[in-house]
Amino acid sequence: MAYPSDRKYTSEHEWIKVDGNVGTVGISHHAQDALGEIVHVDLPNVGKVFKKGGAAAEVESVKAVSSVYCPVGGKVMAVNDGLDGNEAAVNKDPHEGGWLFKIEISDPAELDGLMDAAAYGTHAGNDF
């Protein structure tokens, strides 16, 4: 699996695509594949502030409920309202239409600890 090279990845299988000081966050193809059919997504409230690594959202599948962790600290600027009633978008297109929320990045240096696409691909291939 080739992962989009325009984003950074966490070891917990989240991705962040940065545009200025705003990052769009979602789960990787690997994560949605491991979870199976997504049936519910619990998104954070706009305006909520998270620290790096904080549980910001939950994704429920037919197999399990999994937390989605913030790849960086910051304030939630927007959520993907298009997922309401269309949770399957996370399965169909986890790297584009299935994004979860946008966060105003409080400390851009926190991005330095994340993996690039090549490193994440190696990690995801060996993780399960």
C-alpha atoms as a PDB file:
ATOM      1  CA  MET A   1       0.000   0.000   0.000  1.00  0.00           C
ATOM      2  CA  ALA A   2       1.369   3.399  -0.947  1.00  0.00           C
ATOM      3  CA  TYR A   3       0.381   6.085   1.541  1.00  0.00           C
ATOM      4  CA  PRO A   4      -0.049   9.728   0.449  1.00  0.00           C
ATOM      5  CA  SER A   5       3.306  11.489   0.766  1.00  0.00           C
ATOM      6  CA  ASP A   6       1.745  14.892   1.534  1.00  0.00           C
ATOM      7  CA  ARG A   7       1.024  13.982   5.174  1.00  0.00           C
ATOM      8  CA  LYS A   8       2.604  12.727   8.378  1.00  0.00           C
ATOM      9  CA  TYR A   9       1.581   9.594  10.275  1.00  0.00           C
ATOM     10  CA  THR A  10       1.467   8.404  13.886  1.00  0.00           C
ATOM     11  CA  SER A  11       2.322   4.943  15.156  1.00  0.00           C
ATOM     12  CA  GLU A  12      -1.359   4.652  16.170  1.00  0.00           C
ATOM     13  CA  HIS A  13      -2.380   4.973  12.475  1.00  0.00           C
ATOM     14  CA  GLU A  14      -3.617   8.576  12.315  1.00  0.00           C
ATOM     15  CA  TRP A  15      -2.515  10.951   9.568  1.00  0.00           C
ATOM     16  CA  ILE A  16      -2.280  14.724   9.435  1.00  0.00           C
ATOM     17  CA  LYS A  17      -2.117  16.865   6.292  1.00  0.00           C
ATOM     18  CA  VAL A  18      -0.770  20.322   7.074  1.00  0.00           C
ATOM     19  CA  ASP A  19      -1.803  23.537   5.325  1.00  0.00           C
ATOM     20  CA  GLY A  20      -0.231  26.542   7.042  1.00  0.00           C
ATOM     21  CA  ASN A  21      -1.077  26.226  10.729  1.00  0.00           C
ATOM     22  CA  VAL A  22      -4.088  23.940  10.194  1.00  0.00           C
ATOM     23  CA  GLY A  23      -3.887  20.163  10.025  1.00  0.00           C
ATOM     24  CA  THR A  24      -6.555  17.854   8.638  1.00  0.00           C
ATOM     25  CA  VAL A  25      -6.661  14.587  10.615  1.00  0.00           C
ATOM     26  CA  GLY A  26      -7.928  11.120   9.721  1.00  0.00           C
ATOM     27  CA  ILE A  27      -7.141   7.446  10.089  1.00  0.00           C
ATOM     28  CA  SER A  28      -5.002   5.552   7.623  1.00  0.00           C
ATOM     29  CA  HIS A  29      -6.133   2.979   5.111  1.00  0.00           C
ATOM     30  CA  HIS A  30      -4.356   0.402   7.260  1.00  0.00           C
ATOM     31  CA  ALA A  31      -6.426   1.391  10.316  1.00  0.00           C
ATOM     32  CA  GLN A  32      -9.794   1.326   8.540  1.00  0.00           C
ATOM     33  CA  ASP A  33      -8.909  -2.010   6.953  1.00  0.00           C
ATOM     34  CA  ALA A  34      -8.043  -3.495  10.362  1.00  0.00           C
ATOM     35  CA  LEU A  35     -11.254  -2.111  11.898  1.00  0.00           C
ATOM     36  CA  GLY A  36     -13.558  -3.376   9.170  1.00  0.00           C
ATOM     37  CA  GLU A  37     -16.907  -1.780   8.359  1.00  0.00           C
ATOM     38  CA  ILE A  38     -17.207   1.615  10.086  1.00  0.00           C
ATOM     39  CA  VAL A  39     -20.700   2.092  11.559  1.00  0.00           C
ATOM     40  CA  HIS A  40     -20.297   5.229  13.697  1.00  0.00           C
ATOM     41  CA  VAL A  41     -17.862   8.125  14.103  1.00  0.00           C
ATOM     42  CA  ASP A  42     -17.850  10.289  17.234  1.00  0.00           C
ATOM     43  CA  LEU A  43     -16.153  13.578  16.311  1.00  0.00           C
ATOM     44  CA  PRO A  44     -14.792  16.213  18.712  1.00  0.00           C
ATOM     45  CA  ASN A  45     -16.532  19.518  19.352  1.00  0.00           C
ATOM     46  CA  VAL A  46     -15.297  22.532  17.388  1.00  0.00           C
ATOM     47  CA  GLY A  47     -13.286  24.733  19.734  1.00  0.00           C
ATOM     48  CA  LYS A  48     -12.094  21.877  21.939  1.00  0.00           C
ATOM     49  CA  VAL A  49      -8.373  21.929  22.712  1.00  0.00           C
ATOM     50  CA  PHE A  50      -6.296  18.746  22.735  1.00  0.00           C
ATOM     51  CA  LYS A  51      -2.742  17.927  23.673  1.00  0.00           C
ATOM     52  CA  LYS A  52      -0.626  15.785  21.353  1.00  0.00           C
ATOM     53  CA  GLY A  53      -1.675  12.180  21.884  1.00  0.00           C
ATOM     54  CA  GLY A  54      -5.037  13.087  23.426  1.00  0.00           C
ATOM     55  CA  ALA A  55      -8.050  10.986  22.441  1.00  0.00           C
ATOM     56  CA  ALA A  56      -9.996  13.312  20.155  1.00  0.00           C
ATOM     57  CA  ALA A  57     -12.503  11.068  18.374  1.00  0.00           C
ATOM     58  CA  GLU A  58     -13.830   7.525  18.282  1.00  0.00           C
ATOM     59  CA  VAL A  59     -14.418   5.264  15.326  1.00  0.00           C
ATOM     60  CA  GLU A  60     -16.797   2.357  15.842  1.00  0.00           C
ATOM     61  CA  SER A  61     -16.759  -0.628  13.548  1.00  0.00           C
ATOM     62  CA  VAL A  62     -18.573  -3.936  13.571  1.00  0.00           C
ATOM     63  CA  LYS A  63     -15.453  -5.295  15.329  1.00  0.00           C
ATOM     64  CA  ALA A  64     -14.505  -2.662  17.920  1.00  0.00           C
ATOM     65  CA  VAL A  65     -14.505   0.948  19.093  1.00  0.00           C
ATOM     66  CA  SER A  66     -11.155   2.674  18.621  1.00  0.00           C
ATOM     67  CA  SER A  67      -9.927   6.035  19.816  1.00  0.00           C
ATOM     68  CA  VAL A  68      -8.418   8.477  17.353  1.00  0.00           C
ATOM     69  CA  TYR A  69      -5.534  10.391  18.913  1.00  0.00           C
ATOM     70  CA  CYS A  70      -4.397  13.923  18.092  1.00  0.00           C
ATOM     71  CA  PRO A  71      -1.140  13.794  16.144  1.00  0.00           C
ATOM     72  CA  VAL A  72      -0.345  17.305  17.451  1.00  0.00           C
ATOM     73  CA  GLY A  73      -1.785  19.606  20.069  1.00  0.00           C
ATOM     74  CA  GLY A  74      -4.190  22.363  19.138  1.00  0.00           C
ATOM     75  CA  LYS A  75      -7.779  23.552  18.834  1.00  0.00           C
ATOM     76  CA  VAL A  76     -10.404  21.824  16.677  1.00  0.00           C
ATOM     77  CA  MET A  77     -11.397  24.216  13.889  1.00  0.00           C
ATOM     78  CA  ALA A  78     -13.836  21.999  11.951  1.00  0.00           C
ATOM     79  CA  VAL A  79     -15.243  18.483  11.778  1.00  0.00           C
ATOM     80  CA  ASN A  80     -16.296  16.459   8.761  1.00  0.00           C
ATOM     81  CA  ASP A  81     -20.088  16.776   9.004  1.00  0.00           C
ATOM     82  CA  GLY A  82     -20.294  14.756   5.788  1.00  0.00           C
ATOM     83  CA  LEU A  83     -19.647  11.616   7.847  1.00  0.00           C
ATOM     84  CA  ASP A  84     -22.971  11.933   9.691  1.00  0.00           C
ATOM     85  CA  GLY A  85     -25.007   9.127   8.172  1.00  0.00           C
ATOM     86  CA  ASN A  86     -22.177   8.392   5.753  1.00  0.00           C
ATOM     87  CA  GLU A  87     -19.628   6.750   8.061  1.00  0.00           C
ATOM     88  CA  ALA A  88     -18.691   4.336   5.270  1.00  0.00           C
ATOM     89  CA  ALA A  89     -16.761   7.229   3.670  1.00  0.00           C
ATOM     90  CA  VAL A  90     -13.998   6.431   6.171  1.00  0.00           C
ATOM     91  CA  ASN A  91     -13.749   2.943   4.651  1.00  0.00           C
ATOM     92  CA  LYS A  92     -14.109   4.067   1.043  1.00  0.00           C
ATOM     93  CA  ASP A  93     -11.720   7.020   1.108  1.00  0.00           C
ATOM     94  CA  PRO A  94      -9.872   7.334   4.445  1.00  0.00           C
ATOM     95  CA  HIS A  95      -7.196   9.663   3.061  1.00  0.00           C
ATOM     96  CA  GLU A  96      -9.505  12.214   1.412  1.00  0.00           C
ATOM     97  CA  GLY A  97     -13.304  12.272   1.860  1.00  0.00           C
ATOM     98  CA  GLY A  98     -13.120  10.272   5.097  1.00  0.00           C
ATOM     99  CA  TRP A  99     -11.107  12.874   7.029  1.00  0.00           C
ATOM    100  CA  LEU A 100     -12.307  13.437  10.597  1.00  0.00           C
ATOM    101  CA  PHE A 101     -11.391  16.925  11.857  1.00  0.00           C
ATOM    102  CA  LYS A 102      -9.202  19.981  11.304  1.00  0.00           C
ATOM    103  CA  ILE A 103      -6.997  21.306  14.072  1.00  0.00           C
ATOM    104  CA  GLU A 104      -5.175  24.606  14.502  1.00  0.00           C
ATOM    105  CA  ILE A 105      -1.657  23.431  15.331  1.00  0.00           C
ATOM    106  CA  SER A 106      -0.357  24.970  18.556  1.00  0.00           C
ATOM    107  CA  ASP A 107       3.278  23.797  18.204  1.00  0.00           C
ATOM    108  CA  PRO A 108       4.510  22.958  14.681  1.00  0.00           C
ATOM    109  CA  ALA A 109       7.615  21.316  16.192  1.00  0.00           C
ATOM    110  CA  GLU A 110       5.362  18.429  17.283  1.00  0.00           C
ATOM    111  CA  LEU A 111       5.122  17.414  13.616  1.00  0.00           C
ATOM    112  CA  ASP A 112       8.820  16.501  13.685  1.00  0.00           C
ATOM    113  CA  GLY A 113       8.147  13.344  15.696  1.00  0.00           C
ATOM    114  CA  LEU A 114       5.742  11.913  13.130  1.00  0.00           C
ATOM    115  CA  MET A 115       6.549   9.462  10.327  1.00  0.00           C
ATOM    116  CA  ASP A 116       6.671  10.239   6.634  1.00  0.00           C
ATOM    117  CA  ALA A 117       4.756   8.016   4.198  1.00  0.00           C
ATOM    118  CA  ALA A 118       7.657   5.610   3.575  1.00  0.00           C
ATOM    119  CA  ALA A 119       8.361   5.079   7.278  1.00  0.00           C
ATOM    120  CA  TYR A 120       4.671   4.652   8.004  1.00  0.00           C
ATOM    121  CA  GLY A 121       4.288   2.112   5.208  1.00  0.00           C
ATOM    122  CA  THR A 122       7.047   0.046   6.790  1.00  0.00           C
ATOM    123  CA  HIS A 123       5.461   0.454  10.230  1.00  0.00           C
ATOM    124  CA  ALA A 124       1.970  -0.472   9.039  1.00  0.00           C
ATOM    125  CA  GLY A 125       3.263  -3.481   7.132  1.00  0.00           C
ATOM    126  CA  ASN A 126       4.937  -4.855  10.220  1.00  0.00           C
ATOM    127  CA  ASP A 127       2.400  -3.762  12.813  1.00  0.00           C
ATOM    128  CA  PHE A 128      -0.177  -6.555  12.631  1.00  0.00           C
END
